[in-house]
Amino acid sequence: MPSEAAVQQIWIWSLVIYAVVLGVVALMLTLILRTARQIHGGVAAIWAAGQKVANNTIQIPLLARTNHLVSRTLDSAVRTAGAVGAIEQHASSCPSCPACVTGGGKGRR
């Protein structure tokens, strides 16, 4: 059977080891918490940048419709220019214009 002094010494060493382990664990938890906060700050910055990118690029899918409408407008403008050219050519060679267009002349050639 161990003596009372030996038991007391084992208890003291146990408490010292416990205090050292507790200190190391507290230090490690503090470092983990600090790192987690840094990660959270980085993630927040990435999230904010991602939101800005999303806000700046949300209209890109609408460009396909815009391009389609612009193409139709260009086609219409080309047809209108052709019609205007035909009218101009007719008017330059028709002595009774504009009466022929409105129905008061000889008619079209």
Protein backbone atom coordinates (compact mmCIF):
# COMPACT_ATOMS: atom_id res chain seq x y z
CA MET A 1 0.00 0.00 0.00
CA PRO A 2 1.43 3.39 -0.96
CA SER A 3 2.13 5.90 1.71
CA GLU A 4 0.08 9.01 2.26
CA ALA A 5 2.95 11.20 0.93
CA ALA A 6 3.13 9.12 -2.29
CA VAL A 7 -0.64 9.47 -2.85
CA GLN A 8 -0.40 13.20 -2.22
CA GLN A 9 2.52 13.50 -4.67
CA ILE A 10 0.57 11.57 -7.35
CA TRP A 11 -2.39 13.93 -6.82
CA ILE A 12 -0.15 16.99 -7.15
CA TRP A 13 1.45 15.65 -10.34
CA SER A 14 -1.96 14.75 -11.70
CA LEU A 15 -3.22 18.27 -11.04
CA VAL A 16 -0.10 19.81 -12.64
CA ILE A 17 -0.49 17.61 -15.73
CA TYR A 18 -4.20 18.46 -15.80
CA ALA A 19 -3.40 22.20 -15.62
CA VAL A 20 -0.81 21.90 -18.42
CA VAL A 21 -3.22 19.93 -20.63
CA LEU A 22 -6.00 22.40 -19.84
CA GLY A 23 -3.72 25.30 -20.80
CA VAL A 24 -2.71 23.63 -24.07
CA VAL A 25 -6.33 22.85 -24.92
CA ALA A 26 -7.38 26.43 -24.12
CA LEU A 27 -4.55 27.77 -26.31
CA MET A 28 -5.50 25.46 -29.18
CA LEU A 29 -9.17 26.40 -28.90
CA THR A 30 -8.23 30.08 -28.92
CA LEU A 31 -6.12 29.59 -32.05
CA ILE A 32 -8.95 27.64 -33.71
CA LEU A 33 -11.42 30.40 -32.85
CA ARG A 34 -9.08 33.09 -34.23
CA THR A 35 -8.56 31.10 -37.43
CA ALA A 36 -12.31 30.54 -37.78
CA ARG A 37 -12.89 34.29 -37.49
CA GLN A 38 -10.25 34.96 -40.16
CA ILE A 39 -11.87 32.38 -42.43
CA HIS A 40 -15.26 33.95 -41.80
CA GLY A 41 -13.87 37.37 -42.75
CA GLY A 42 -12.40 35.96 -45.96
CA VAL A 43 -15.63 34.20 -46.83
CA ALA A 44 -17.58 37.40 -46.21
CA ALA A 45 -15.26 39.28 -48.59
CA ILE A 46 -15.63 36.56 -51.23
CA TRP A 47 -19.42 36.61 -50.81
CA ALA A 48 -19.53 40.40 -51.24
CA ALA A 49 -17.37 40.21 -54.37
CA GLY A 50 -19.55 37.40 -55.72
CA GLN A 51 -22.67 39.48 -55.15
CA LYS A 52 -21.11 42.38 -57.06
CA VAL A 53 -20.20 40.08 -59.95
CA ALA A 54 -23.72 38.65 -59.98
CA ASN A 55 -25.23 42.15 -60.00
CA ASN A 56 -22.97 43.18 -62.87
CA THR A 57 -23.66 40.09 -64.98
CA ILE A 58 -27.35 39.44 -64.34
CA GLN A 59 -28.37 41.21 -67.56
CA ILE A 60 -26.08 39.15 -69.83
CA PRO A 61 -28.82 36.63 -70.76
CA LEU A 62 -30.97 39.57 -71.91
CA LEU A 63 -28.33 40.43 -74.54
CA ALA A 64 -29.46 37.52 -76.71
CA ARG A 65 -32.96 39.01 -76.93
CA THR A 66 -31.51 42.48 -77.48
CA ASN A 67 -29.31 41.17 -80.30
CA HIS A 68 -32.33 39.48 -81.89
CA LEU A 69 -34.39 42.68 -81.71
CA VAL A 70 -31.54 44.79 -83.08
CA SER A 71 -31.13 42.32 -85.94
CA ARG A 72 -34.84 42.57 -86.75
CA THR A 73 -34.63 46.37 -86.58
CA LEU A 74 -31.65 46.37 -88.94
CA ASP A 75 -33.47 44.09 -91.38
CA SER A 76 -36.48 46.42 -91.28
CA ALA A 77 -34.25 49.46 -91.83
CA VAL A 78 -32.60 47.78 -94.83
CA ARG A 79 -36.02 46.96 -96.32
CA THR A 80 -37.21 50.52 -95.67
CA ALA A 81 -34.09 51.93 -97.33
CA GLY A 82 -34.71 49.68 -100.32
CA ALA A 83 -38.32 50.84 -100.58
CA VAL A 84 -37.26 54.48 -100.29
CA GLY A 85 -34.70 53.88 -103.04
CA ALA A 86 -37.38 52.31 -105.26
CA ILE A 87 -39.71 55.26 -104.64
CA GLU A 88 -36.90 57.72 -105.39
CA GLN A 89 -36.03 55.87 -108.60
CA HIS A 90 -39.68 55.81 -109.65
CA ALA A 91 -40.17 59.48 -108.84
CA SER A 92 -37.10 60.50 -110.82
CA SER A 93 -38.32 58.73 -113.97
CA CYS A 94 -42.08 59.34 -113.68
CA PRO A 95 -43.24 62.73 -115.02
CA SER A 96 -46.64 62.56 -113.27
CA CYS A 97 -45.38 61.78 -109.74
CA PRO A 98 -46.73 62.13 -107.09
CA ALA A 99 -50.12 62.08 -108.81
CA CYS A 100 -49.52 58.57 -110.13
CA VAL A 101 -48.99 57.28 -106.61
CA THR A 102 -52.13 58.88 -105.23
CA GLY A 103 -54.21 57.68 -108.17
CA GLY A 104 -54.63 61.03 -109.95
CA GLY A 105 -52.17 60.37 -112.79
CA LYS A 106 -51.53 57.91 -115.56
CA GLY A 107 -50.38 55.14 -113.22
CA ARG A 108 -47.11 53.46 -112.66
CA ARG A 109 -44.68 52.63 -115.35
